């Protein structure tokens, strides 16, 4: 805890319920200091990128299934609530210190997330979201109208990466430009 008077705003304890067990608990502490908002989350020791760096040839299939199942459950919860994450990548998937059954995956970094039902049907969404290696084809082609399927694409990319140890979608800017020229559906 911080000493008395260390922060400008008392923590908000009215929202103690976590939306899903695969999302880190943010109800630990929230405060402002020098005009900046600080959120203190529960500690999770590593992310899936670190796990992949430890195992460059990929993970055991049982562990891949466990992590992907947990990720699908977390994203399914988001999608049921009309939330599209738009930045699913190994760095945003936190995991515990070992590969035991209790080693739960947690989805984090909702900075690019949007609640779709708040957008009007004709309203456009930003196409420059998601890390390049996990970006769905419609985003690569500049579409501004998309939905939860962009998260599903990212999950598939991560499953491939966990299995093989290397990124699946290596798309060059030249390919994107050429595809845009010949693709009648491109924006």
N, C-alpha and C. Protein backbone atom coordinates (compact mmCIF):
# COMPACT_ATOMS: atom_id res chain seq x y z
N UNK A 1 0.84 -1.20 0.00
CA UNK A 1 0.00 0.00 0.00
C UNK A 1 0.87 1.25 0.00
N UNK A 2 0.27 2.35 -0.39
CA UNK A 2 0.98 3.60 -0.47
C UNK A 2 0.77 4.37 0.83
N UNK A 3 1.72 5.20 1.21
CA UNK A 3 1.55 5.99 2.43
C UNK A 3 0.39 6.97 2.28
N UNK A 4 -0.20 7.40 3.39
CA UNK A 4 -1.32 8.34 3.32
C UNK A 4 -0.93 9.58 2.53
N UNK A 5 -1.84 10.03 1.67
CA UNK A 5 -1.61 11.22 0.87
C UNK A 5 -0.73 10.99 -0.36
N UNK A 6 -0.37 9.75 -0.63
CA UNK A 6 0.51 9.47 -1.77
C UNK A 6 -0.22 9.57 -3.10
N UNK A 7 -1.53 9.51 -3.08
CA UNK A 7 -2.26 9.62 -4.34
C UNK A 7 -3.43 10.58 -4.17
N UNK A 8 -3.84 11.15 -5.31
CA UNK A 8 -4.87 12.19 -5.30
C UNK A 8 -6.27 11.64 -5.12
N UNK A 9 -6.52 10.42 -5.61
CA UNK A 9 -7.88 9.88 -5.64
C UNK A 9 -7.89 8.55 -4.89
N UNK A 10 -8.92 8.38 -4.09
CA UNK A 10 -9.06 7.10 -3.39
C UNK A 10 -9.39 5.99 -4.39
N UNK A 11 -8.97 4.77 -4.12
CA UNK A 11 -9.29 3.68 -5.04
C UNK A 11 -10.78 3.45 -5.14
N UNK A 12 -11.23 3.07 -6.31
CA UNK A 12 -12.63 2.78 -6.55
C UNK A 12 -12.89 1.32 -6.17
N UNK A 13 -13.54 1.12 -5.06
CA UNK A 13 -13.81 -0.25 -4.60
C UNK A 13 -15.21 -0.69 -4.95
N UNK A 14 -15.95 0.12 -5.71
CA UNK A 14 -17.31 -0.26 -6.06
C UNK A 14 -17.33 -1.33 -7.14
N UNK A 15 -16.24 -1.47 -7.92
CA UNK A 15 -16.20 -2.47 -8.99
C UNK A 15 -15.22 -3.56 -8.61
N UNK A 16 -15.60 -4.42 -7.72
CA UNK A 16 -14.71 -5.48 -7.28
C UNK A 16 -14.92 -6.77 -8.05
N UNK A 17 -15.95 -6.83 -8.88
CA UNK A 17 -16.23 -8.05 -9.63
C UNK A 17 -15.39 -8.11 -10.91
N UNK A 18 -14.71 -9.19 -11.12
CA UNK A 18 -13.93 -9.40 -12.34
C UNK A 18 -14.89 -9.89 -13.42
N UNK A 19 -14.77 -9.38 -14.65
CA UNK A 19 -15.71 -9.78 -15.69
C UNK A 19 -15.56 -11.24 -16.11
N UNK A 20 -14.37 -11.78 -16.09
CA UNK A 20 -14.13 -13.16 -16.48
C UNK A 20 -12.85 -13.63 -15.81
N UNK A 21 -12.78 -14.88 -15.44
CA UNK A 21 -11.60 -15.35 -14.73
C UNK A 21 -10.35 -15.39 -15.60
N UNK A 22 -10.49 -15.22 -16.90
CA UNK A 22 -9.35 -15.20 -17.82
C UNK A 22 -8.89 -13.77 -18.13
N UNK A 23 -9.38 -12.81 -17.34
CA UNK A 23 -8.97 -11.41 -17.45
C UNK A 23 -8.38 -11.02 -16.10
N UNK A 24 -7.18 -10.42 -16.08
CA UNK A 24 -6.57 -10.06 -14.79
C UNK A 24 -7.47 -9.16 -13.97
N UNK A 25 -7.44 -9.34 -12.68
CA UNK A 25 -8.25 -8.57 -11.75
C UNK A 25 -7.64 -7.19 -11.58
N UNK A 26 -8.39 -6.17 -11.94
CA UNK A 26 -7.91 -4.79 -11.85
C UNK A 26 -8.41 -4.08 -10.60
N UNK A 27 -9.09 -4.77 -9.73
CA UNK A 27 -9.69 -4.10 -8.58
C UNK A 27 -8.70 -3.92 -7.42
N UNK A 28 -7.45 -4.22 -7.63
CA UNK A 28 -6.46 -4.11 -6.56
C UNK A 28 -6.29 -2.66 -6.10
N UNK A 29 -6.08 -1.76 -7.06
CA UNK A 29 -5.81 -0.36 -6.72
C UNK A 29 -5.90 0.48 -7.98
N UNK A 30 -6.42 1.67 -7.84
CA UNK A 30 -6.43 2.65 -8.92
C UNK A 30 -6.22 4.01 -8.28
N UNK A 31 -5.30 4.79 -8.82
CA UNK A 31 -5.04 6.10 -8.24
C UNK A 31 -4.46 7.03 -9.30
N UNK A 32 -4.52 8.32 -9.00
CA UNK A 32 -3.93 9.34 -9.88
C UNK A 32 -2.75 9.97 -9.16
N UNK A 33 -1.74 10.24 -9.94
CA UNK A 33 -0.57 10.93 -9.41
C UNK A 33 -0.03 11.81 -10.53
N UNK A 34 0.12 13.10 -10.24
CA UNK A 34 0.64 14.06 -11.21
C UNK A 34 -0.10 13.99 -12.55
N UNK A 35 -1.42 13.91 -12.49
CA UNK A 35 -2.24 13.93 -13.69
C UNK A 35 -2.31 12.63 -14.46
N UNK A 36 -1.70 11.57 -13.97
CA UNK A 36 -1.74 10.28 -14.66
C UNK A 36 -2.52 9.28 -13.83
N UNK A 37 -3.28 8.42 -14.54
CA UNK A 37 -4.05 7.38 -13.88
C UNK A 37 -3.22 6.11 -13.84
N UNK A 38 -3.11 5.50 -12.69
CA UNK A 38 -2.38 4.26 -12.52
C UNK A 38 -3.34 3.16 -12.09
N UNK A 39 -3.29 2.02 -12.77
CA UNK A 39 -4.08 0.86 -12.40
C UNK A 39 -3.12 -0.23 -11.95
N UNK A 40 -3.42 -0.85 -10.85
CA UNK A 40 -2.58 -1.93 -10.34
C UNK A 40 -3.35 -3.23 -10.51
N UNK A 41 -2.80 -4.14 -11.32
CA UNK A 41 -3.42 -5.42 -11.61
C UNK A 41 -2.79 -6.52 -10.75
N UNK A 42 -3.47 -7.63 -10.70
CA UNK A 42 -2.87 -8.78 -10.04
C UNK A 42 -1.60 -9.17 -10.79
N UNK A 43 -0.65 -9.74 -10.08
CA UNK A 43 0.63 -10.10 -10.68
C UNK A 43 0.52 -11.45 -11.38
N UNK A 44 0.92 -11.47 -12.64
CA UNK A 44 1.03 -12.70 -13.40
C UNK A 44 2.46 -12.70 -13.95
N UNK A 45 3.27 -13.71 -13.64
CA UNK A 45 4.71 -13.64 -13.84
C UNK A 45 5.25 -13.61 -15.26
N UNK A 46 4.51 -14.08 -16.25
CA UNK A 46 5.08 -14.08 -17.61
C UNK A 46 3.95 -14.08 -18.63
N UNK A 47 4.36 -13.92 -19.90
CA UNK A 47 3.39 -13.96 -20.98
C UNK A 47 3.77 -15.06 -21.96
N UNK A 48 2.91 -15.31 -22.93
CA UNK A 48 3.15 -16.40 -23.87
C UNK A 48 4.35 -16.14 -24.79
N UNK A 49 4.70 -14.89 -25.02
CA UNK A 49 5.90 -14.62 -25.82
C UNK A 49 7.14 -15.17 -25.09
N UNK A 50 7.19 -14.97 -23.80
CA UNK A 50 8.32 -15.50 -23.01
C UNK A 50 8.35 -17.03 -23.05
N UNK A 51 7.18 -17.64 -23.01
CA UNK A 51 7.11 -19.10 -23.09
C UNK A 51 7.62 -19.55 -24.46
N UNK A 52 7.23 -18.87 -25.52
CA UNK A 52 7.68 -19.22 -26.86
C UNK A 52 9.20 -19.03 -27.01
N UNK A 53 9.74 -18.00 -26.39
CA UNK A 53 11.19 -17.79 -26.45
C UNK A 53 11.95 -18.90 -25.74
N UNK A 54 11.35 -19.46 -24.69
CA UNK A 54 11.96 -20.59 -23.98
C UNK A 54 11.92 -21.86 -24.81
N UNK A 55 10.92 -21.98 -25.69
CA UNK A 55 10.72 -23.19 -26.50
C UNK A 55 10.59 -22.81 -27.97
N UNK A 56 11.70 -22.54 -28.64
CA UNK A 56 11.64 -22.08 -30.03
C UNK A 56 11.05 -23.09 -31.01
N UNK A 57 10.98 -24.37 -30.64
CA UNK A 57 10.39 -25.38 -31.53
C UNK A 57 8.91 -25.56 -31.33
N UNK A 58 8.30 -24.78 -30.47
CA UNK A 58 6.87 -24.91 -30.19
C UNK A 58 6.61 -25.60 -28.86
N UNK A 59 5.37 -25.62 -28.46
CA UNK A 59 4.97 -26.19 -27.18
C UNK A 59 4.40 -27.59 -27.38
N UNK A 60 4.34 -28.32 -26.30
CA UNK A 60 3.71 -29.63 -26.29
C UNK A 60 2.25 -29.48 -26.71
N UNK A 61 1.73 -30.39 -27.56
CA UNK A 61 0.34 -30.26 -28.04
C UNK A 61 -0.70 -30.16 -26.91
N UNK A 62 -0.46 -30.83 -25.80
CA UNK A 62 -1.40 -30.75 -24.68
C UNK A 62 -1.44 -29.34 -24.12
N UNK A 63 -0.29 -28.72 -24.01
CA UNK A 63 -0.22 -27.35 -23.51
C UNK A 63 -0.83 -26.38 -24.51
N UNK A 64 -0.61 -26.59 -25.81
CA UNK A 64 -1.22 -25.74 -26.84
C UNK A 64 -2.74 -25.81 -26.72
N UNK A 65 -3.28 -27.02 -26.59
CA UNK A 65 -4.74 -27.17 -26.46
C UNK A 65 -5.26 -26.44 -25.23
N UNK A 66 -4.55 -26.57 -24.11
CA UNK A 66 -4.99 -25.93 -22.87
C UNK A 66 -4.99 -24.40 -23.02
N UNK A 67 -3.90 -23.85 -23.55
CA UNK A 67 -3.84 -22.39 -23.71
C UNK A 67 -4.89 -21.89 -24.71
N UNK A 68 -5.03 -22.57 -25.82
CA UNK A 68 -6.00 -22.12 -26.83
C UNK A 68 -7.43 -22.24 -26.29
N UNK A 69 -7.72 -23.31 -25.57
CA UNK A 69 -9.06 -23.45 -24.98
C UNK A 69 -9.34 -22.29 -24.03
N UNK A 70 -8.38 -21.95 -23.19
CA UNK A 70 -8.57 -20.85 -22.25
C UNK A 70 -8.74 -19.52 -22.99
N UNK A 71 -7.97 -19.32 -24.05
CA UNK A 71 -8.09 -18.10 -24.85
C UNK A 71 -9.45 -18.03 -25.53
N UNK A 72 -9.89 -19.14 -26.10
CA UNK A 72 -11.21 -19.17 -26.75
C UNK A 72 -12.31 -18.84 -25.74
N UNK A 73 -12.21 -19.37 -24.54
CA UNK A 73 -13.22 -19.07 -23.51
C UNK A 73 -13.23 -17.58 -23.16
N UNK A 74 -12.04 -16.99 -23.02
CA UNK A 74 -11.96 -15.56 -22.69
C UNK A 74 -12.53 -14.70 -23.82
N UNK A 75 -12.17 -15.02 -25.05
CA UNK A 75 -12.67 -14.25 -26.19
C UNK A 75 -14.16 -14.48 -26.40
N UNK A 76 -14.63 -15.70 -26.16
CA UNK A 76 -16.07 -15.97 -26.27
C UNK A 76 -16.85 -15.09 -25.31
N UNK A 77 -16.33 -14.91 -24.10
CA UNK A 77 -16.99 -14.02 -23.13
C UNK A 77 -17.04 -12.60 -23.68
N UNK A 78 -15.91 -12.13 -24.21
CA UNK A 78 -15.86 -10.78 -24.79
C UNK A 78 -16.88 -10.64 -25.91
N UNK A 79 -16.90 -11.61 -26.81
CA UNK A 79 -17.79 -11.54 -27.96
C UNK A 79 -19.26 -11.62 -27.55
N UNK A 80 -19.59 -12.40 -26.53
CA UNK A 80 -20.97 -12.44 -26.03
C UNK A 80 -21.42 -11.07 -25.53
N UNK A 81 -20.45 -10.27 -25.11
CA UNK A 81 -20.75 -8.92 -24.63
C UNK A 81 -20.43 -7.86 -25.69
N UNK A 82 -20.36 -8.30 -26.95
CA UNK A 82 -20.13 -7.41 -28.10
C UNK A 82 -18.82 -6.63 -28.01
N UNK A 83 -17.82 -7.23 -27.39
CA UNK A 83 -16.51 -6.60 -27.29
C UNK A 83 -15.56 -7.31 -28.25
N UNK A 84 -14.90 -6.54 -29.10
CA UNK A 84 -13.87 -7.08 -29.97
C UNK A 84 -12.53 -6.57 -29.40
N UNK A 85 -11.60 -7.48 -29.15
CA UNK A 85 -10.33 -7.14 -28.50
C UNK A 85 -9.40 -6.40 -29.46
N UNK A 86 -9.20 -6.91 -30.65
CA UNK A 86 -8.44 -6.32 -31.74
C UNK A 86 -6.93 -6.28 -31.55
N UNK A 87 -6.40 -6.89 -30.50
CA UNK A 87 -4.94 -6.93 -30.34
C UNK A 87 -4.51 -8.20 -29.60
N UNK A 88 -5.02 -9.32 -30.04
CA UNK A 88 -4.64 -10.59 -29.43
C UNK A 88 -3.29 -11.00 -29.98
N UNK A 89 -2.33 -11.18 -29.10
CA UNK A 89 -0.97 -11.59 -29.46
C UNK A 89 -0.33 -12.21 -28.23
N UNK A 90 0.75 -12.97 -28.39
CA UNK A 90 1.37 -13.64 -27.25
C UNK A 90 1.74 -12.71 -26.08
N UNK A 91 2.16 -11.49 -26.39
CA UNK A 91 2.51 -10.55 -25.31
C UNK A 91 1.32 -10.16 -24.46
N UNK A 92 0.11 -10.28 -25.01
CA UNK A 92 -1.11 -9.91 -24.28
C UNK A 92 -1.81 -11.11 -23.65
N UNK A 93 -1.10 -12.24 -23.59
CA UNK A 93 -1.64 -13.44 -22.98
C UNK A 93 -0.73 -13.82 -21.83
N UNK A 94 -1.19 -13.56 -20.63
CA UNK A 94 -0.39 -13.80 -19.44
C UNK A 94 -0.59 -15.22 -18.94
N UNK A 95 0.48 -15.83 -18.46
CA UNK A 95 0.41 -17.19 -17.92
C UNK A 95 1.23 -17.29 -16.64
N UNK A 96 0.94 -18.32 -15.87
CA UNK A 96 1.62 -18.53 -14.60
C UNK A 96 3.06 -19.00 -14.77
N UNK A 97 3.72 -19.29 -13.66
CA UNK A 97 5.16 -19.60 -13.68
C UNK A 97 5.52 -20.97 -14.23
N UNK A 98 4.57 -21.89 -14.31
CA UNK A 98 4.90 -23.22 -14.82
C UNK A 98 3.78 -23.72 -15.72
N UNK A 99 3.92 -24.93 -16.22
CA UNK A 99 2.95 -25.46 -17.17
C UNK A 99 2.03 -26.50 -16.54
N UNK A 100 1.64 -26.26 -15.32
CA UNK A 100 0.75 -27.18 -14.65
C UNK A 100 -0.70 -26.88 -15.02
N UNK A 101 -1.59 -27.72 -14.60
CA UNK A 101 -3.01 -27.51 -14.89
C UNK A 101 -3.52 -26.20 -14.31
N UNK A 102 -2.89 -25.75 -13.22
CA UNK A 102 -3.33 -24.50 -12.60
C UNK A 102 -2.75 -23.27 -13.30
N UNK A 103 -1.94 -23.50 -14.33
CA UNK A 103 -1.27 -22.42 -15.04
C UNK A 103 -2.26 -21.74 -15.98
N UNK A 104 -3.08 -20.86 -15.44
CA UNK A 104 -4.17 -20.25 -16.20
C UNK A 104 -3.69 -19.12 -17.09
N UNK A 105 -4.22 -19.06 -18.30
CA UNK A 105 -3.97 -17.99 -19.23
C UNK A 105 -4.94 -16.85 -18.94
N UNK A 106 -4.44 -15.63 -19.04
CA UNK A 106 -5.29 -14.46 -18.84
C UNK A 106 -5.06 -13.47 -19.97
N UNK A 107 -6.14 -12.98 -20.53
CA UNK A 107 -6.11 -12.01 -21.62
C UNK A 107 -5.98 -10.61 -21.03
N UNK A 108 -5.05 -9.82 -21.57
CA UNK A 108 -4.88 -8.46 -21.05
C UNK A 108 -4.76 -7.46 -22.19
N UNK A 109 -4.53 -6.22 -21.86
CA UNK A 109 -4.36 -5.09 -22.78
C UNK A 109 -5.58 -4.89 -23.66
N UNK A 110 -6.57 -4.24 -23.09
CA UNK A 110 -7.80 -3.94 -23.81
C UNK A 110 -7.78 -2.52 -24.40
N UNK A 111 -6.58 -2.00 -24.66
CA UNK A 111 -6.45 -0.65 -25.19
C UNK A 111 -7.08 -0.44 -26.56
N UNK A 112 -7.07 -1.47 -27.42
CA UNK A 112 -7.69 -1.38 -28.74
C UNK A 112 -9.11 -1.93 -28.76
N UNK A 113 -9.58 -2.48 -27.66
CA UNK A 113 -10.90 -3.12 -27.62
C UNK A 113 -12.01 -2.10 -27.83
N UNK A 114 -13.08 -2.56 -28.47
CA UNK A 114 -14.25 -1.72 -28.70
C UNK A 114 -15.51 -2.53 -28.45
N UNK A 115 -16.52 -1.86 -27.93
CA UNK A 115 -17.82 -2.51 -27.77
C UNK A 115 -18.61 -2.22 -29.03
N UNK A 116 -18.86 -3.26 -29.81
CA UNK A 116 -19.45 -3.09 -31.14
C UNK A 116 -20.85 -2.51 -31.11
N UNK A 117 -21.67 -2.85 -30.12
CA UNK A 117 -23.04 -2.37 -30.14
C UNK A 117 -23.12 -0.85 -29.92
N UNK A 118 -22.03 -0.24 -29.48
CA UNK A 118 -22.02 1.21 -29.33
C UNK A 118 -21.78 1.91 -30.66
N UNK A 119 -21.33 1.16 -31.66
CA UNK A 119 -21.08 1.73 -32.98
C UNK A 119 -22.33 1.60 -33.83
N UNK A 120 -22.62 2.64 -34.57
CA UNK A 120 -23.76 2.60 -35.50
C UNK A 120 -23.39 1.70 -36.67
N UNK A 121 -24.37 1.09 -37.33
CA UNK A 121 -24.08 0.17 -38.43
C UNK A 121 -23.23 0.78 -39.54
N UNK A 122 -23.40 2.06 -39.81
CA UNK A 122 -22.63 2.69 -40.89
C UNK A 122 -21.34 3.34 -40.38
N UNK A 123 -21.08 3.25 -39.09
CA UNK A 123 -19.87 3.86 -38.52
C UNK A 123 -18.66 2.97 -38.80
N UNK A 124 -17.56 3.59 -39.18
CA UNK A 124 -16.36 2.84 -39.51
C UNK A 124 -15.50 2.64 -38.26
N UNK A 125 -14.73 1.56 -38.27
CA UNK A 125 -13.78 1.28 -37.20
C UNK A 125 -12.37 1.47 -37.76
N UNK A 126 -11.44 1.75 -36.90
CA UNK A 126 -10.05 1.91 -37.32
C UNK A 126 -9.52 0.61 -37.89
N UNK A 127 -8.85 0.70 -39.05
CA UNK A 127 -8.29 -0.52 -39.65
C UNK A 127 -6.87 -0.78 -39.17
N UNK A 128 -6.22 0.23 -38.57
CA UNK A 128 -4.84 0.04 -38.13
C UNK A 128 -4.83 -0.38 -36.67
N UNK A 129 -5.25 -1.60 -36.44
CA UNK A 129 -5.25 -2.21 -35.12
C UNK A 129 -4.62 -3.58 -35.25
N UNK A 130 -4.32 -4.19 -34.18
CA UNK A 130 -3.73 -5.53 -34.13
C UNK A 130 -2.29 -5.51 -34.63
N UNK A 131 -1.47 -6.28 -33.99
CA UNK A 131 -0.08 -6.42 -34.40
C UNK A 131 -0.04 -7.14 -35.74
N UNK A 132 0.85 -6.70 -36.61
CA UNK A 132 0.89 -7.17 -38.00
C UNK A 132 0.80 -8.68 -38.14
N UNK A 133 1.49 -9.44 -37.33
CA UNK A 133 1.54 -10.90 -37.50
C UNK A 133 0.22 -11.57 -37.17
N UNK A 134 -0.68 -10.88 -36.48
CA UNK A 134 -1.94 -11.46 -36.04
C UNK A 134 -3.14 -10.72 -36.64
N UNK A 135 -2.88 -9.85 -37.60
CA UNK A 135 -3.91 -9.02 -38.21
C UNK A 135 -4.66 -9.80 -39.27
N UNK A 136 -5.97 -9.78 -39.19
CA UNK A 136 -6.83 -10.48 -40.15
C UNK A 136 -6.71 -9.88 -41.54
N UNK A 137 -6.98 -10.68 -42.59
CA UNK A 137 -6.86 -10.18 -43.97
C UNK A 137 -7.67 -8.92 -44.24
N UNK A 138 -8.87 -8.82 -43.69
CA UNK A 138 -9.68 -7.63 -43.94
C UNK A 138 -9.02 -6.38 -43.36
N UNK A 139 -8.30 -6.53 -42.26
CA UNK A 139 -7.58 -5.39 -41.70
C UNK A 139 -6.36 -5.05 -42.54
N UNK A 140 -5.68 -6.08 -43.03
CA UNK A 140 -4.52 -5.85 -43.90
C UNK A 140 -4.91 -5.11 -45.18
N UNK A 141 -6.14 -5.36 -45.63
CA UNK A 141 -6.62 -4.72 -46.85
C UNK A 141 -7.31 -3.39 -46.58
N UNK A 142 -7.31 -2.94 -45.33
CA UNK A 142 -7.82 -1.62 -45.01
C UNK A 142 -9.30 -1.52 -44.72
N UNK A 143 -9.99 -2.62 -44.50
CA UNK A 143 -11.42 -2.57 -44.22
C UNK A 143 -11.68 -1.83 -42.91
N UNK A 144 -12.70 -1.02 -42.91
CA UNK A 144 -13.10 -0.30 -41.71
C UNK A 144 -14.42 -0.83 -41.15
N UNK A 145 -14.93 -1.89 -41.76
CA UNK A 145 -16.15 -2.54 -41.28
C UNK A 145 -15.83 -4.00 -41.05
N UNK A 146 -15.74 -4.38 -39.80
CA UNK A 146 -15.41 -5.75 -39.43
C UNK A 146 -16.01 -6.02 -38.06
N UNK A 147 -15.89 -7.24 -37.61
CA UNK A 147 -16.45 -7.61 -36.32
C UNK A 147 -15.52 -8.51 -35.54
N UNK A 148 -16.13 -9.39 -34.80
CA UNK A 148 -15.38 -10.25 -33.89
C UNK A 148 -14.50 -11.26 -34.62
N UNK A 149 -14.74 -11.45 -35.91
CA UNK A 149 -13.94 -12.41 -36.67
C UNK A 149 -12.46 -12.05 -36.70
N UNK A 150 -12.10 -10.79 -36.49
CA UNK A 150 -10.68 -10.43 -36.47
C UNK A 150 -9.97 -11.05 -35.27
N UNK A 151 -10.70 -11.24 -34.17
CA UNK A 151 -10.14 -11.92 -33.01
C UNK A 151 -9.96 -13.41 -33.29
N UNK A 152 -10.92 -14.00 -33.99
CA UNK A 152 -10.84 -15.42 -34.32
C UNK A 152 -9.61 -15.70 -35.19
N UNK A 153 -9.34 -14.83 -36.15
CA UNK A 153 -8.16 -14.98 -36.99
C UNK A 153 -6.89 -14.98 -36.13
N UNK A 154 -6.81 -14.03 -35.19
CA UNK A 154 -5.63 -13.92 -34.33
C UNK A 154 -5.44 -15.19 -33.49
N UNK A 155 -6.53 -15.77 -33.02
CA UNK A 155 -6.43 -17.00 -32.24
C UNK A 155 -5.83 -18.11 -33.09
N UNK A 156 -6.24 -18.21 -34.35
CA UNK A 156 -5.67 -19.21 -35.25
C UNK A 156 -4.18 -18.99 -35.47
N UNK A 157 -3.78 -17.74 -35.63
CA UNK A 157 -2.36 -17.42 -35.80
C UNK A 157 -1.56 -17.82 -34.56
N UNK A 158 -2.11 -17.57 -33.39
CA UNK A 158 -1.42 -17.91 -32.15
C UNK A 158 -1.34 -19.42 -31.99
N UNK A 159 -2.40 -20.13 -32.35
CA UNK A 159 -2.37 -21.59 -32.27
C UNK A 159 -1.25 -22.15 -33.15
N UNK A 160 -1.12 -21.62 -34.36
CA UNK A 160 -0.05 -22.06 -35.24
C UNK A 160 1.32 -21.73 -34.67
N UNK A 161 1.46 -20.57 -34.10
CA UNK A 161 2.74 -20.17 -33.52
C UNK A 161 3.11 -21.01 -32.31
N UNK A 162 2.13 -21.31 -31.47
CA UNK A 162 2.40 -22.16 -30.30
C UNK A 162 2.81 -23.57 -30.74
N UNK A 163 2.23 -24.04 -31.83
CA UNK A 163 2.50 -25.39 -32.32
C UNK A 163 3.88 -25.49 -32.97
N UNK A 164 4.23 -24.52 -33.80
CA UNK A 164 5.47 -24.59 -34.57
C UNK A 164 6.63 -23.82 -33.97
N UNK A 165 6.33 -22.82 -33.14
CA UNK A 165 7.36 -21.97 -32.56
C UNK A 165 7.70 -20.77 -33.43
N UNK A 166 7.03 -20.63 -34.59
CA UNK A 166 7.29 -19.47 -35.45
C UNK A 166 5.98 -18.85 -35.90
N UNK A 167 6.04 -17.57 -36.22
CA UNK A 167 4.84 -16.86 -36.66
C UNK A 167 4.34 -17.43 -37.99
N UNK A 168 3.04 -17.43 -38.13
CA UNK A 168 2.44 -18.02 -39.32
C UNK A 168 2.27 -17.04 -40.46
N UNK A 169 1.88 -15.82 -40.17
CA UNK A 169 1.54 -14.89 -41.24
C UNK A 169 2.66 -13.88 -41.44
N UNK A 170 3.47 -14.14 -42.41
CA UNK A 170 4.53 -13.20 -42.78
C UNK A 170 4.12 -12.56 -44.11
N UNK A 171 3.42 -11.44 -43.99
CA UNK A 171 2.86 -10.77 -45.16
C UNK A 171 3.65 -9.49 -45.39
N UNK A 172 4.10 -9.29 -46.59
CA UNK A 172 4.88 -8.09 -46.90
C UNK A 172 3.97 -6.95 -47.34
N UNK A 173 4.41 -5.72 -47.14
CA UNK A 173 3.62 -4.58 -47.63
C UNK A 173 3.41 -4.63 -49.14
N UNK A 174 4.36 -5.21 -49.88
CA UNK A 174 4.21 -5.35 -51.33
C UNK A 174 3.01 -6.23 -51.65
N UNK A 175 2.87 -7.35 -50.94
CA UNK A 175 1.74 -8.25 -51.15
C UNK A 175 0.43 -7.51 -50.89
N UNK A 176 0.39 -6.72 -49.85
CA UNK A 176 -0.83 -5.97 -49.52
C UNK A 176 -1.16 -5.01 -50.66
N UNK A 177 -0.16 -4.28 -51.16
CA UNK A 177 -0.39 -3.33 -52.24
C UNK A 177 -0.88 -4.04 -53.49
N UNK A 178 -0.23 -5.14 -53.86
CA UNK A 178 -0.63 -5.90 -55.07
C UNK A 178 -2.05 -6.45 -54.91
N UNK A 179 -2.35 -6.98 -53.75
CA UNK A 179 -3.68 -7.55 -53.51
C UNK A 179 -4.73 -6.47 -53.59
N UNK A 180 -4.44 -5.29 -53.09
CA UNK A 180 -5.40 -4.18 -53.14
C UNK A 180 -5.69 -3.77 -54.58
N UNK A 181 -4.68 -3.88 -55.45
CA UNK A 181 -4.86 -3.50 -56.85
C UNK A 181 -5.74 -4.49 -57.60
N UNK A 182 -5.61 -5.77 -57.30
CA UNK A 182 -6.34 -6.78 -58.07
C UNK A 182 -7.59 -7.28 -57.37
N UNK A 183 -7.80 -6.93 -56.13
CA UNK A 183 -8.93 -7.44 -55.37
C UNK A 183 -10.12 -6.48 -55.53
N UNK A 184 -11.20 -6.94 -56.14
CA UNK A 184 -12.36 -6.05 -56.34
C UNK A 184 -13.06 -5.68 -55.04
N UNK A 185 -12.82 -6.41 -53.96
CA UNK A 185 -13.46 -6.12 -52.68
C UNK A 185 -12.62 -5.22 -51.80
N UNK A 186 -11.42 -4.93 -52.23
CA UNK A 186 -10.55 -4.08 -51.42
C UNK A 186 -11.13 -2.67 -51.36
N UNK A 187 -10.95 -1.99 -50.26
CA UNK A 187 -11.49 -0.62 -50.13
C UNK A 187 -10.80 0.36 -51.07
